[in-house]
């Protein structure tokens, strides 16, 4: 089984988050000037002259577990109270916890990659 999430879907999700978290000027700047690229397991986000990234550090063997990412996002601008409880954001790391249940403990992650302007998740 393969799940593919394309660049446009990611931009739509980020736009919705920004819509509710920032003022109108920042939304307009983001929507017109932002560029997202997926290169060698790294997501690069360029806003004006700033360049941010998120890269994969650790992938659990099974779907349940903790996915670990490295980043240089401006986390001081994020309201951590509004972040879902299964996501923990540290100074330079993001941890995504996927709970253990009958489905997630029986599905294995074969590959997770950021490349060709999409996120690809191959499950076994």
PDB file of N, CA and C in Angstrom:
ATOM      1  N   UNK A   1       0.849  -1.176   0.000  1.00  0.00           N
ATOM      2  CA  UNK A   1       0.000   0.000   0.000  1.00  0.00           C
ATOM      3  C   UNK A   1       0.890   1.233   0.000  1.00  0.00           C
ATOM      4  N   UNK A   2       0.526   2.191  -0.803  1.00  0.00           N
ATOM      5  CA  UNK A   2       1.319   3.408  -0.919  1.00  0.00           C
ATOM      6  C   UNK A   2       0.413   4.622  -0.753  1.00  0.00           C
ATOM      7  N   UNK A   3       0.821   5.546   0.101  1.00  0.00           N
ATOM      8  CA  UNK A   3       0.088   6.793   0.316  1.00  0.00           C
ATOM      9  C   UNK A   3       0.964   7.930  -0.205  1.00  0.00           C
ATOM     10  N   UNK A   4       0.387   8.767  -1.057  1.00  0.00           N
ATOM     11  CA  UNK A   4       1.135   9.891  -1.624  1.00  0.00           C
ATOM     12  C   UNK A   4       0.412  11.191  -1.276  1.00  0.00           C
ATOM     13  N   UNK A   5       1.156  12.117  -0.693  1.00  0.00           N
ATOM     14  CA  UNK A   5       0.632  13.435  -0.354  1.00  0.00           C
ATOM     15  C   UNK A   5       1.421  14.444  -1.176  1.00  0.00           C
ATOM     16  N   UNK A   6       0.724  15.191  -2.021  1.00  0.00           N
ATOM     17  CA  UNK A   6       1.441  16.100  -2.906  1.00  0.00           C
ATOM     18  C   UNK A   6       1.637  17.487  -2.299  1.00  0.00           C
ATOM     19  N   UNK A   7       2.452  18.257  -2.971  1.00  0.00           N
ATOM     20  CA  UNK A   7       2.843  19.597  -2.541  1.00  0.00           C
ATOM     21  C   UNK A   7       1.626  20.512  -2.344  1.00  0.00           C
ATOM     22  N   UNK A   8       0.653  20.427  -3.219  1.00  0.00           N
ATOM     23  CA  UNK A   8      -0.522  21.294  -3.130  1.00  0.00           C
ATOM     24  C   UNK A   8      -1.341  21.026  -1.871  1.00  0.00           C
ATOM     25  N   UNK A   9      -1.440  19.762  -1.493  1.00  0.00           N
ATOM     26  CA  UNK A   9      -2.169  19.420  -0.277  1.00  0.00           C
ATOM     27  C   UNK A   9      -1.468  19.992   0.953  1.00  0.00           C
ATOM     28  N   UNK A  10      -0.142  19.893   0.983  1.00  0.00           N
ATOM     29  CA  UNK A  10       0.633  20.457   2.095  1.00  0.00           C
ATOM     30  C   UNK A  10       0.435  21.972   2.164  1.00  0.00           C
ATOM     31  N   UNK A  11       0.477  22.642   1.014  1.00  0.00           N
ATOM     32  CA  UNK A  11       0.271  24.099   0.973  1.00  0.00           C
ATOM     33  C   UNK A  11      -1.121  24.455   1.479  1.00  0.00           C
ATOM     34  N   UNK A  12      -2.126  23.668   1.117  1.00  0.00           N
ATOM     35  CA  UNK A  12      -3.492  23.929   1.581  1.00  0.00           C
ATOM     36  C   UNK A  12      -3.594  23.799   3.097  1.00  0.00           C
ATOM     37  N   UNK A  13      -2.963  22.771   3.645  1.00  0.00           N
ATOM     38  CA  UNK A  13      -2.988  22.567   5.101  1.00  0.00           C
ATOM     39  C   UNK A  13      -2.296  23.724   5.812  1.00  0.00           C
ATOM     40  N   UNK A  14      -1.133  24.123   5.325  1.00  0.00           N
ATOM     41  CA  UNK A  14      -0.398  25.234   5.943  1.00  0.00           C
ATOM     42  C   UNK A  14      -1.195  26.530   5.826  1.00  0.00           C
ATOM     43  N   UNK A  15      -1.847  26.746   4.703  1.00  0.00           N
ATOM     44  CA  UNK A  15      -2.667  27.950   4.511  1.00  0.00           C
ATOM     45  C   UNK A  15      -3.810  28.026   5.514  1.00  0.00           C
ATOM     46  N   UNK A  16      -4.444  26.879   5.779  1.00  0.00           N
ATOM     47  CA  UNK A  16      -5.533  26.852   6.760  1.00  0.00           C
ATOM     48  C   UNK A  16      -5.002  27.173   8.151  1.00  0.00           C
ATOM     49  N   UNK A  17      -3.847  26.615   8.500  1.00  0.00           N
ATOM     50  CA  UNK A  17      -3.248  26.901   9.812  1.00  0.00           C
ATOM     51  C   UNK A  17      -2.934  28.382   9.930  1.00  0.00           C
ATOM     52  N   UNK A  18      -2.325  28.944   8.911  1.00  0.00           N
ATOM     53  CA  UNK A  18      -1.962  30.364   8.936  1.00  0.00           C
ATOM     54  C   UNK A  18      -3.205  31.248   8.966  1.00  0.00           C
ATOM     55  N   UNK A  19      -4.259  30.824   8.320  1.00  0.00           N
ATOM     56  CA  UNK A  19      -5.498  31.597   8.274  1.00  0.00           C
ATOM     57  C   UNK A  19      -6.026  31.883   9.678  1.00  0.00           C
ATOM     58  N   UNK A  20      -5.936  30.909  10.553  1.00  0.00           N
ATOM     59  CA  UNK A  20      -6.478  31.060  11.899  1.00  0.00           C
ATOM     60  C   UNK A  20      -5.460  31.532  12.927  1.00  0.00           C
ATOM     61  N   UNK A  21      -4.182  31.527  12.591  1.00  0.00           N
ATOM     62  CA  UNK A  21      -3.148  31.847  13.567  1.00  0.00           C
ATOM     63  C   UNK A  21      -2.456  33.191  13.341  1.00  0.00           C
ATOM     64  N   UNK A  22      -2.670  33.837  12.205  1.00  0.00           N
ATOM     65  CA  UNK A  22      -1.934  35.064  11.912  1.00  0.00           C
ATOM     66  C   UNK A  22      -2.858  36.140  11.383  1.00  0.00           C
ATOM     67  N   UNK A  23      -2.283  37.316  11.184  1.00  0.00           N
ATOM     68  CA  UNK A  23      -3.089  38.406  10.644  1.00  0.00           C
ATOM     69  C   UNK A  23      -3.128  38.349   9.121  1.00  0.00           C
ATOM     70  N   UNK A  24      -3.927  39.205   8.523  1.00  0.00           N
ATOM     71  CA  UNK A  24      -4.194  39.151   7.084  1.00  0.00           C
ATOM     72  C   UNK A  24      -2.960  39.428   6.231  1.00  0.00           C
ATOM     73  N   UNK A  25      -2.099  40.323   6.646  1.00  0.00           N
ATOM     74  CA  UNK A  25      -0.903  40.660   5.859  1.00  0.00           C
ATOM     75  C   UNK A  25       0.016  39.449   5.753  1.00  0.00           C
ATOM     76  N   UNK A  26       0.245  38.765   6.855  1.00  0.00           N
ATOM     77  CA  UNK A  26       1.108  37.581   6.841  1.00  0.00           C
ATOM     78  C   UNK A  26       0.504  36.490   5.965  1.00  0.00           C
ATOM     79  N   UNK A  27      -0.811  36.318   6.023  1.00  0.00           N
ATOM     80  CA  UNK A  27      -1.478  35.326   5.167  1.00  0.00           C
ATOM     81  C   UNK A  27      -1.243  35.634   3.695  1.00  0.00           C
ATOM     82  N   UNK A  28      -1.393  36.887   3.304  1.00  0.00           N
ATOM     83  CA  UNK A  28      -1.207  37.261   1.901  1.00  0.00           C
ATOM     84  C   UNK A  28       0.237  37.052   1.460  1.00  0.00           C
ATOM     85  N   UNK A  29       1.179  37.424   2.311  1.00  0.00           N
ATOM     86  CA  UNK A  29       2.592  37.208   1.988  1.00  0.00           C
ATOM     87  C   UNK A  29       2.866  35.725   1.821  1.00  0.00           C
ATOM     88  N   UNK A  30       2.386  34.923   2.768  1.00  0.00           N
ATOM     89  CA  UNK A  30       2.620  33.480   2.706  1.00  0.00           C
ATOM     90  C   UNK A  30       2.030  32.875   1.437  1.00  0.00           C
ATOM     91  N   UNK A  31       0.797  33.219   1.132  1.00  0.00           N
ATOM     92  CA  UNK A  31       0.127  32.614  -0.022  1.00  0.00           C
ATOM     93  C   UNK A  31       0.737  33.027  -1.354  1.00  0.00           C
ATOM     94  N   UNK A  32       1.366  34.168  -1.442  1.00  0.00           N
ATOM     95  CA  UNK A  32       1.915  34.615  -2.723  1.00  0.00           C
ATOM     96  C   UNK A  32       3.405  34.348  -2.880  1.00  0.00           C
ATOM     97  N   UNK A  33       4.136  34.286  -1.797  1.00  0.00           N
ATOM     98  CA  UNK A  33       5.595  34.224  -1.900  1.00  0.00           C
ATOM     99  C   UNK A  33       6.189  32.894  -1.444  1.00  0.00           C
ATOM    100  N   UNK A  34       5.448  32.060  -0.779  1.00  0.00           N
ATOM    101  CA  UNK A  34       5.994  30.825  -0.230  1.00  0.00           C
ATOM    102  C   UNK A  34       6.213  29.773  -1.309  1.00  0.00           C
ATOM    103  N   UNK A  35       7.344  29.074  -1.170  1.00  0.00           N
ATOM    104  CA  UNK A  35       7.661  27.967  -2.063  1.00  0.00           C
ATOM    105  C   UNK A  35       8.066  26.776  -1.201  1.00  0.00           C
ATOM    106  N   UNK A  36       7.477  25.624  -1.489  1.00  0.00           N
ATOM    107  CA  UNK A  36       7.820  24.395  -0.768  1.00  0.00           C
ATOM    108  C   UNK A  36       8.424  23.428  -1.772  1.00  0.00           C
ATOM    109  N   UNK A  37       9.567  22.840  -1.374  1.00  0.00           N
ATOM    110  CA  UNK A  37      10.222  21.832  -2.214  1.00  0.00           C
ATOM    111  C   UNK A  37      10.514  20.607  -1.369  1.00  0.00           C
ATOM    112  N   UNK A  38      10.418  19.446  -2.008  1.00  0.00           N
ATOM    113  CA  UNK A  38      10.714  18.179  -1.358  1.00  0.00           C
ATOM    114  C   UNK A  38      11.965  17.618  -2.019  1.00  0.00           C
ATOM    115  N   UNK A  39      13.068  17.567  -1.263  1.00  0.00           N
ATOM    116  CA  UNK A  39      14.346  17.137  -1.821  1.00  0.00           C
ATOM    117  C   UNK A  39      15.042  16.194  -0.843  1.00  0.00           C
ATOM    118  N   UNK A  40      15.346  14.992  -1.275  1.00  0.00           N
ATOM    119  CA  UNK A  40      16.153  14.026  -0.517  1.00  0.00           C
ATOM    120  C   UNK A  40      15.750  13.947   0.955  1.00  0.00           C
ATOM    121  N   UNK A  41      14.502  13.590   1.192  1.00  0.00           N
ATOM    122  CA  UNK A  41      13.958  13.432   2.548  1.00  0.00           C
ATOM    123  C   UNK A  41      14.002  14.703   3.385  1.00  0.00           C
ATOM    124  N   UNK A  42      13.901  15.824   2.720  1.00  0.00           N
ATOM    125  CA  UNK A  42      13.859  17.110   3.400  1.00  0.00           C
ATOM    126  C   UNK A  42      12.784  17.961   2.739  1.00  0.00           C
ATOM    127  N   UNK A  43      12.003  18.646   3.569  1.00  0.00           N
ATOM    128  CA  UNK A  43      11.037  19.615   3.061  1.00  0.00           C
ATOM    129  C   UNK A  43      11.652  20.989   3.281  1.00  0.00           C
ATOM    130  N   UNK A  44      11.818  21.749   2.213  1.00  0.00           N
ATOM    131  CA  UNK A  44      12.338  23.114   2.308  1.00  0.00           C
ATOM    132  C   UNK A  44      11.197  24.089   2.084  1.00  0.00           C
ATOM    133  N   UNK A  45      11.083  25.050   2.990  1.00  0.00           N
ATOM    134  CA  UNK A  45      10.040  26.064   2.903  1.00  0.00           C
ATOM    135  C   UNK A  45      10.733  27.415   2.804  1.00  0.00           C
ATOM    136  N   UNK A  46      10.490  28.118   1.715  1.00  0.00           N
ATOM    137  CA  UNK A  46      11.077  29.446   1.528  1.00  0.00           C
ATOM    138  C   UNK A  46       9.972  30.486   1.598  1.00  0.00           C
ATOM    139  N   UNK A  47      10.138  31.435   2.518  1.00  0.00           N
ATOM    140  CA  UNK A  47       9.210  32.551   2.662  1.00  0.00           C
ATOM    141  C   UNK A  47      10.050  33.818   2.578  1.00  0.00           C
ATOM    142  N   UNK A  48       9.812  34.584   1.528  1.00  0.00           N
ATOM    143  CA  UNK A  48      10.632  35.761   1.238  1.00  0.00           C
ATOM    144  C   UNK A  48      12.092  35.332   1.163  1.00  0.00           C
ATOM    145  N   UNK A  49      12.923  35.858   2.048  1.00  0.00           N
ATOM    146  CA  UNK A  49      14.348  35.517   2.046  1.00  0.00           C
ATOM    147  C   UNK A  49      14.695  34.494   3.128  1.00  0.00           C
ATOM    148  N   UNK A  50      13.705  33.994   3.843  1.00  0.00           N
ATOM    149  CA  UNK A  50      13.933  33.010   4.901  1.00  0.00           C
ATOM    150  C   UNK A  50      13.772  31.596   4.350  1.00  0.00           C
ATOM    151  N   UNK A  51      14.593  30.693   4.849  1.00  0.00           N
ATOM    152  CA  UNK A  51      14.548  29.302   4.388  1.00  0.00           C
ATOM    153  C   UNK A  51      14.475  28.381   5.608  1.00  0.00           C
ATOM    154  N   UNK A  52      13.405  27.601   5.668  1.00  0.00           N
ATOM    155  CA  UNK A  52      13.200  26.648   6.749  1.00  0.00           C
ATOM    156  C   UNK A  52      13.221  25.243   6.184  1.00  0.00           C
ATOM    157  N   UNK A  53      13.431  24.259   7.054  1.00  0.00           N
ATOM    158  CA  UNK A  53      13.440  22.875   6.598  1.00  0.00           C
ATOM    159  C   UNK A  53      12.888  21.951   7.678  1.00  0.00           C
ATOM    160  N   UNK A  54      12.408  20.800   7.230  1.00  0.00           N
ATOM    161  CA  UNK A  54      12.018  19.690   8.092  1.00  0.00           C
ATOM    162  C   UNK A  54      12.587  18.443   7.434  1.00  0.00           C
ATOM    163  N   UNK A  55      13.360  17.657   8.187  1.00  0.00           N
ATOM    164  CA  UNK A  55      13.934  16.435   7.617  1.00  0.00           C
ATOM    165  C   UNK A  55      13.679  15.248   8.544  1.00  0.00           C
ATOM    166  N   UNK A  56      13.621  14.079   7.949  1.00  0.00           N
ATOM    167  CA  UNK A  56      13.359  12.846   8.681  1.00  0.00           C
ATOM    168  C   UNK A  56      14.618  12.412   9.437  1.00  0.00           C
ATOM    169  N   UNK A  57      14.475  12.113  10.726  1.00  0.00           N
ATOM    170  CA  UNK A  57      15.595  11.580  11.512  1.00  0.00           C
ATOM    171  C   UNK A  57      15.400  10.112  11.862  1.00  0.00           C
ATOM    172  N   UNK A  58      14.190   9.774  12.312  1.00  0.00           N
ATOM    173  CA  UNK A  58      13.955   8.414  12.782  1.00  0.00           C
ATOM    174  C   UNK A  58      12.543   7.972  12.419  1.00  0.00           C
ATOM    175  N   UNK A  59      12.439   6.773  11.852  1.00  0.00           N
ATOM    176  CA  UNK A  59      11.156   6.194  11.478  1.00  0.00           C
ATOM    177  C   UNK A  59      11.016   4.867  12.217  1.00  0.00           C
ATOM    178  N   UNK A  60       9.905   4.654  12.932  1.00  0.00           N
ATOM    179  CA  UNK A  60       9.736   3.357  13.608  1.00  0.00           C
ATOM    180  C   UNK A  60       9.501   2.247  12.593  1.00  0.00           C
ATOM    181  N   UNK A  61       9.753   1.024  13.017  1.00  0.00           N
ATOM    182  CA  UNK A  61       9.558  -0.130  12.137  1.00  0.00           C
ATOM    183  C   UNK A  61       8.074  -0.324  11.812  1.00  0.00           C
ATOM    184  N   UNK A  62       7.240  -0.167  12.821  1.00  0.00           N
ATOM    185  CA  UNK A  62       5.795  -0.311  12.645  1.00  0.00           C
ATOM    186  C   UNK A  62       5.170   1.076  12.558  1.00  0.00           C
ATOM    187  N   UNK A  63       3.923   1.114  12.106  1.00  0.00           N
ATOM    188  CA  UNK A  63       3.229   2.387  11.978  1.00  0.00           C
ATOM    189  C   UNK A  63       3.050   3.057  13.336  1.00  0.00           C
ATOM    190  N   UNK A  64       2.827   2.265  14.376  1.00  0.00           N
ATOM    191  CA  UNK A  64       2.737   2.843  15.719  1.00  0.00           C
ATOM    192  C   UNK A  64       4.143   3.149  16.218  1.00  0.00           C
ATOM    193  N   UNK A  65       4.265   4.228  16.938  1.00  0.00           N
ATOM    194  CA  UNK A  65       5.574   4.615  17.461  1.00  0.00           C
ATOM    195  C   UNK A  65       5.792   6.099  17.297  1.00  0.00           C
ATOM    196  N   UNK A  66       7.047   6.485  17.337  1.00  0.00           N
ATOM    197  CA  UNK A  66       7.391   7.907  17.278  1.00  0.00           C
ATOM    198  C   UNK A  66       8.211   8.197  16.021  1.00  0.00           C
ATOM    199  N   UNK A  67       7.699   9.098  15.204  1.00  0.00           N
ATOM    200  CA  UNK A  67       8.451   9.610  14.057  1.00  0.00           C
ATOM    201  C   UNK A  67       9.201  10.835  14.543  1.00  0.00           C
ATOM    202  N   UNK A  68      10.491  10.918  14.229  1.00  0.00           N
ATOM    203  CA  UNK A  68      11.316  12.025  14.692  1.00  0.00           C
ATOM    204  C   UNK A  68      11.815  12.828  13.492  1.00  0.00           C
ATOM    205  N   UNK A  69      11.640  14.142  13.575  1.00  0.00           N
ATOM    206  CA  UNK A  69      12.056  15.044  12.514  1.00  0.00           C
ATOM    207  C   UNK A  69      12.945  16.141  13.089  1.00  0.00           C
ATOM    208  N   UNK A  70      13.856  16.637  12.273  1.00  0.00           N
ATOM    209  CA  UNK A  70      14.695  17.773  12.632  1.00  0.00           C
ATOM    210  C   UNK A  70      14.161  18.986  11.873  1.00  0.00           C
ATOM    211  N   UNK A  71      14.260  20.171  12.469  1.00  0.00           N
ATOM    212  CA  UNK A  71      13.732  21.371  11.818  1.00  0.00           C
ATOM    213  C   UNK A  71      14.489  22.619  12.265  1.00  0.00           C
ATOM    214  N   UNK A  72      14.246  23.695  11.555  1.00  0.00           N
ATOM    215  CA  UNK A  72      14.725  25.010  11.979  1.00  0.00           C
ATOM    216  C   UNK A  72      13.584  26.021  11.919  1.00  0.00           C
ATOM    217  N   UNK A  73      12.389  25.572  12.208  1.00  0.00           N
ATOM    218  CA  UNK A  73      11.201  26.421  12.173  1.00  0.00           C
ATOM    219  C   UNK A  73      11.223  27.422  13.329  1.00  0.00           C
ATOM    220  N   UNK A  74      10.595  28.576  13.145  1.00  0.00           N
ATOM    221  CA  UNK A  74      10.531  29.562  14.239  1.00  0.00           C
ATOM    222  C   UNK A  74       9.463  29.158  15.261  1.00  0.00           C
ATOM    223  N   UNK A  75       9.792  28.233  16.140  1.00  0.00           N
ATOM    224  CA  UNK A  75       8.793  27.669  17.054  1.00  0.00           C
ATOM    225  C   UNK A  75       8.305  28.669  18.105  1.00  0.00           C
ATOM    226  N   UNK A  76       9.045  29.747  18.320  1.00  0.00           N
ATOM    227  CA  UNK A  76       8.577  30.747  19.274  1.00  0.00           C
ATOM    228  C   UNK A  76       7.306  31.445  18.790  1.00  0.00           C
ATOM    229  N   UNK A  77       6.984  31.311  17.507  1.00  0.00           N
ATOM    230  CA  UNK A  77       5.766  31.899  16.935  1.00  0.00           C
ATOM    231  C   UNK A  77       4.574  30.940  17.008  1.00  0.00           C
ATOM    232  N   UNK A  78       4.812  29.696  17.429  1.00  0.00           N
ATOM    233  CA  UNK A  78       3.761  28.686  17.462  1.00  0.00           C
ATOM    234  C   UNK A  78       3.138  28.643  18.853  1.00  0.00           C
ATOM    235  N   UNK A  79       1.808  28.658  18.900  1.00  0.00           N
ATOM    236  CA  UNK A  79       1.095  28.498  20.159  1.00  0.00           C
ATOM    237  C   UNK A  79       1.025  27.003  20.459  1.00  0.00           C
ATOM    238  N   UNK A  80       1.868  26.539  21.354  1.00  0.00           N
ATOM    239  CA  UNK A  80       1.976  25.106  21.623  1.00  0.00           C
ATOM    240  C   UNK A  80       0.708  24.522  22.233  1.00  0.00           C
ATOM    241  N   UNK A  81      -0.162  25.372  22.777  1.00  0.00           N
ATOM    242  CA  UNK A  81      -1.425  24.874  23.327  1.00  0.00           C
ATOM    243  C   UNK A  81      -2.365  24.400  22.220  1.00  0.00           C
ATOM    244  N   UNK A  82      -2.178  24.910  21.006  1.00  0.00           N
ATOM    245  CA  UNK A  82      -3.047  24.545  19.882  1.00  0.00           C
ATOM    246  C   UNK A  82      -2.492  23.393  19.053  1.00  0.00           C
ATOM    247  N   UNK A  83      -1.291  22.930  19.377  1.00  0.00           N
ATOM    248  CA  UNK A  83      -0.696  21.798  18.675  1.00  0.00           C
ATOM    249  C   UNK A  83      -1.352  20.520  19.193  1.00  0.00           C
ATOM    250  N   UNK A  84      -1.713  19.576  18.316  1.00  0.00           N
ATOM    251  CA  UNK A  84      -2.319  18.311  18.788  1.00  0.00           C
ATOM    252  C   UNK A  84      -1.443  17.613  19.818  1.00  0.00           C
ATOM    253  N   UNK A  85      -2.076  16.871  20.706  1.00  0.00           N
ATOM    254  CA  UNK A  85      -1.354  16.233  21.817  1.00  0.00           C
ATOM    255  C   UNK A  85      -0.386  15.153  21.372  1.00  0.00           C
ATOM    256  N   UNK A  86      -0.553  14.619  20.156  1.00  0.00           N
ATOM    257  CA  UNK A  86       0.366  13.573  19.693  1.00  0.00           C
ATOM    258  C   UNK A  86       1.573  14.155  18.955  1.00  0.00           C
ATOM    259  N   UNK A  87       1.711  15.481  18.966  1.00  0.00           N
ATOM    260  CA  UNK A  87       2.871  16.142  18.352  1.00  0.00           C
ATOM    261  C   UNK A  87       3.585  16.955  19.423  1.00  0.00           C
ATOM    262  N   UNK A  88       4.886  16.708  19.573  1.00  0.00           N
ATOM    263  CA  UNK A  88       5.698  17.472  20.506  1.00  0.00           C
ATOM    264  C   UNK A  88       6.759  18.221  19.699  1.00  0.00           C
ATOM    265  N   UNK A  89       6.836  19.527  19.907  1.00  0.00           N
ATOM    266  CA  UNK A  89       7.799  20.344  19.173  1.00  0.00           C
ATOM    267  C   UNK A  89       8.846  20.848  20.148  1.00  0.00           C
ATOM    268  N   UNK A  90      10.085  20.516  19.860  1.00  0.00           N
ATOM    269  CA  UNK A  90      11.230  20.915  20.665  1.00  0.00           C
ATOM    270  C   UNK A  90      11.986  22.000  19.905  1.00  0.00           C
ATOM    271  N   UNK A  91      13.066  22.487  20.488  1.00  0.00           N
ATOM    272  CA  UNK A  91      13.860  23.557  19.872  1.00  0.00           C
ATOM    273  C   UNK A  91      14.231  23.246  18.421  1.00  0.00           C
ATOM    274  N   UNK A  92      14.729  22.051  18.152  1.00  0.00           N
ATOM    275  CA  UNK A  92      15.110  21.696  16.784  1.00  0.00           C
ATOM    276  C   UNK A  92      14.600  20.308  16.364  1.00  0.00           C
ATOM    277  N   UNK A  93      13.611  19.773  17.091  1.00  0.00           N
ATOM    278  CA  UNK A  93      13.056  18.457  16.762  1.00  0.00           C
ATOM    279  C   UNK A  93      11.536  18.494  16.858  1.00  0.00           C
ATOM    280  N   UNK A  94      10.918  17.655  16.049  1.00  0.00           N
ATOM    281  CA  UNK A  94       9.475  17.441  16.104  1.00  0.00           C
ATOM    282  C   UNK A  94       9.260  15.943  16.274  1.00  0.00           C
ATOM    283  N   UNK A  95       8.422  15.576  17.237  1.00  0.00           N
ATOM    284  CA  UNK A  95       8.109  14.178  17.484  1.00  0.00           C
ATOM    285  C   UNK A  95       6.620  13.968  17.230  1.00  0.00           C
ATOM    286  N   UNK A  96       6.313  13.016  16.350  1.00  0.00           N
ATOM    287  CA  UNK A  96       4.938  12.678  16.037  1.00  0.00           C
ATOM    288  C   UNK A  96       4.662  11.288  16.590  1.00  0.00           C
ATOM    289  N   UNK A  97       3.801  11.204  17.588  1.00  0.00           N
ATOM    290  CA  UNK A  97       3.486   9.939  18.235  1.00  0.00           C
ATOM    291  C   UNK A  97       2.234   9.338  17.602  1.00  0.00           C
ATOM    292  N   UNK A  98       2.348   8.125  17.092  1.00  0.00           N
ATOM    293  CA  UNK A  98       1.215   7.392  16.534  1.00  0.00           C
ATOM    294  C   UNK A  98       0.894   6.273  17.519  1.00  0.00           C
ATOM    295  N   UNK A  99      -0.298   6.334  18.134  1.00  0.00           N
ATOM    296  CA  UNK A  99      -0.627   5.368  19.179  1.00  0.00           C
ATOM    297  C   UNK A  99      -0.708   3.925  18.684  1.00  0.00           C
ATOM    298  N   UNK A 100      -0.486   3.022  19.616  1.00  0.00           N
ATOM    299  CA  UNK A 100      -0.514   1.590  19.342  1.00  0.00           C
ATOM    300  C   UNK A 100      -1.947   1.083  19.449  1.00  0.00           C
ATOM    301  N   UNK A 101      -2.432   0.510  18.354  1.00  0.00           N
ATOM    302  CA  UNK A 101      -3.733  -0.159  18.369  1.00  0.00           C
ATOM    303  C   UNK A 101      -3.656  -1.359  17.433  1.00  0.00           C
ATOM    304  N   UNK A 102      -4.749  -2.073  17.274  1.00  0.00           N
ATOM    305  CA  UNK A 102      -4.717  -3.306  16.488  1.00  0.00           C
ATOM    306  C   UNK A 102      -4.303  -3.060  15.036  1.00  0.00           C
ATOM    307  N   UNK A 103      -4.633  -1.925  14.485  1.00  0.00           N
ATOM    308  CA  UNK A 103      -4.276  -1.624  13.095  1.00  0.00           C
ATOM    309  C   UNK A 103      -2.821  -1.174  13.002  1.00  0.00           C
ATOM    310  N   UNK A 104      -2.424  -0.185  13.800  1.00  0.00           N
ATOM    311  CA  UNK A 104      -1.075   0.383  13.673  1.00  0.00           C
ATOM    312  C   UNK A 104       0.027  -0.580  14.102  1.00  0.00           C
ATOM    313  N   UNK A 105      -0.258  -1.509  15.000  1.00  0.00           N
ATOM    314  CA  UNK A 105       0.791  -2.430  15.430  1.00  0.00           C
ATOM    315  C   UNK A 105       1.034  -3.546  14.414  1.00  0.00           C
ATOM    316  N   UNK A 106       0.126  -3.693  13.442  1.00  0.00           N
ATOM    317  CA  UNK A 106       0.267  -4.742  12.434  1.00  0.00           C
ATOM    318  C   UNK A 106       0.657  -4.215  11.057  1.00  0.00           C
ATOM    319  N   UNK A 107       0.876  -2.931  10.935  1.00  0.00           N
ATOM    320  CA  UNK A 107       1.296  -2.346   9.665  1.00  0.00           C
ATOM    321  C   UNK A 107       2.737  -1.870   9.806  1.00  0.00           C
ATOM    322  N   UNK A 108       3.574  -2.271   8.877  1.00  0.00           N
ATOM    323  CA  UNK A 108       4.992  -1.906   8.901  1.00  0.00           C
ATOM    324  C   UNK A 108       5.255  -0.790   7.885  1.00  0.00           C
ATOM    325  N   UNK A 109       6.143   0.103   8.251  1.00  0.00           N
ATOM    326  CA  UNK A 109       6.547   1.171   7.339  1.00  0.00           C
ATOM    327  C   UNK A 109       7.728   0.666   6.531  1.00  0.00           C
ATOM    328  N   UNK A 110       7.530   0.552   5.254  1.00  0.00           N
ATOM    329  CA  UNK A 110       8.604   0.120   4.363  1.00  0.00           C
ATOM    330  C   UNK A 110       9.474   1.310   3.979  1.00  0.00           C
ATOM    331  N   UNK A 111       8.828   2.453   3.722  1.00  0.00           N
ATOM    332  CA  UNK A 111       9.573   3.638   3.307  1.00  0.00           C
ATOM    333  C   UNK A 111       8.741   4.883   3.580  1.00  0.00           C
ATOM    334  N   UNK A 112       9.401   5.940   4.015  1.00  0.00           N
ATOM    335  CA  UNK A 112       8.813   7.270   4.153  1.00  0.00           C
ATOM    336  C   UNK A 112       9.806   8.220   3.527  1.00  0.00           C
ATOM    337  N   UNK A 113       9.375   8.927   2.493  1.00  0.00           N
ATOM    338  CA  UNK A 113      10.328   9.818   1.816  1.00  0.00           C
ATOM    339  C   UNK A 113       9.664  11.113   1.382  1.00  0.00           C
ATOM    340  N   UNK A 114      10.467  12.169   1.378  1.00  0.00           N
ATOM    341  CA  UNK A 114      10.068  13.479   0.862  1.00  0.00           C
ATOM    342  C   UNK A 114      10.881  13.675  -0.406  1.00  0.00           C
ATOM    343  N   UNK A 115      10.249  13.586  -1.549  1.00  0.00           N
ATOM    344  CA  UNK A 115      10.977  13.750  -2.802  1.00  0.00           C
ATOM    345  C   UNK A 115       9.993  13.987  -3.941  1.00  0.00           C
ATOM    346  N   UNK A 116      10.469  14.576  -5.014  1.00  0.00           N
ATOM    347  CA  UNK A 116       9.670  14.821  -6.223  1.00  0.00           C
ATOM    348  C   UNK A 116       8.376  15.573  -5.916  1.00  0.00           C
ATOM    349  N   UNK A 117       8.456  16.574  -5.044  1.00  0.00           N
ATOM    350  CA  UNK A 117       7.312  17.405  -4.662  1.00  0.00           C
ATOM    351  C   UNK A 117       6.148  16.623  -4.077  1.00  0.00           C
ATOM    352  N   UNK A 118       6.475  15.559  -3.330  1.00  0.00           N
ATOM    353  CA  UNK A 118       5.443  14.791  -2.656  1.00  0.00           C
ATOM    354  C   UNK A 118       6.032  14.021  -1.480  1.00  0.00           C
ATOM    355  N   UNK A 119       5.151  13.643  -0.580  1.00  0.00           N
ATOM    356  CA  UNK A 119       5.527  12.759   0.515  1.00  0.00           C
ATOM    357  C   UNK A 119       4.984  11.376   0.166  1.00  0.00           C
ATOM    358  N   UNK A 120       5.851  10.365   0.205  1.00  0.00           N
ATOM    359  CA  UNK A 120       5.463   9.004  -0.128  1.00  0.00           C
ATOM    360  C   UNK A 120       5.641   8.124   1.092  1.00  0.00           C
ATOM    361  N   UNK A 121       4.574   7.408   1.433  1.00  0.00           N
ATOM    362  CA  UNK A 121       4.600   6.469   2.547  1.00  0.00           C
ATOM    363  C   UNK A 121       4.240   5.100   1.990  1.00  0.00           C
ATOM    364  N   UNK A 122       5.191   4.165   2.064  1.00  0.00           N
ATOM    365  CA  UNK A 122       4.945   2.792   1.620  1.00  0.00           C
ATOM    366  C   UNK A 122       4.785   1.914   2.836  1.00  0.00           C
ATOM    367  N   UNK A 123       3.632   1.230   2.896  1.00  0.00           N
ATOM    368  CA  UNK A 123       3.308   0.386   4.041  1.00  0.00           C
ATOM    369  C   UNK A 123       3.247  -1.077   3.599  1.00  0.00           C
ATOM    370  N   UNK A 124       3.561  -1.989   4.535  1.00  0.00           N
ATOM    371  CA  UNK A 124       3.454  -3.426   4.266  1.00  0.00           C
ATOM    372  C   UNK A 124       2.448  -4.030   5.219  1.00  0.00           C
TER     373      UNK A 124
END
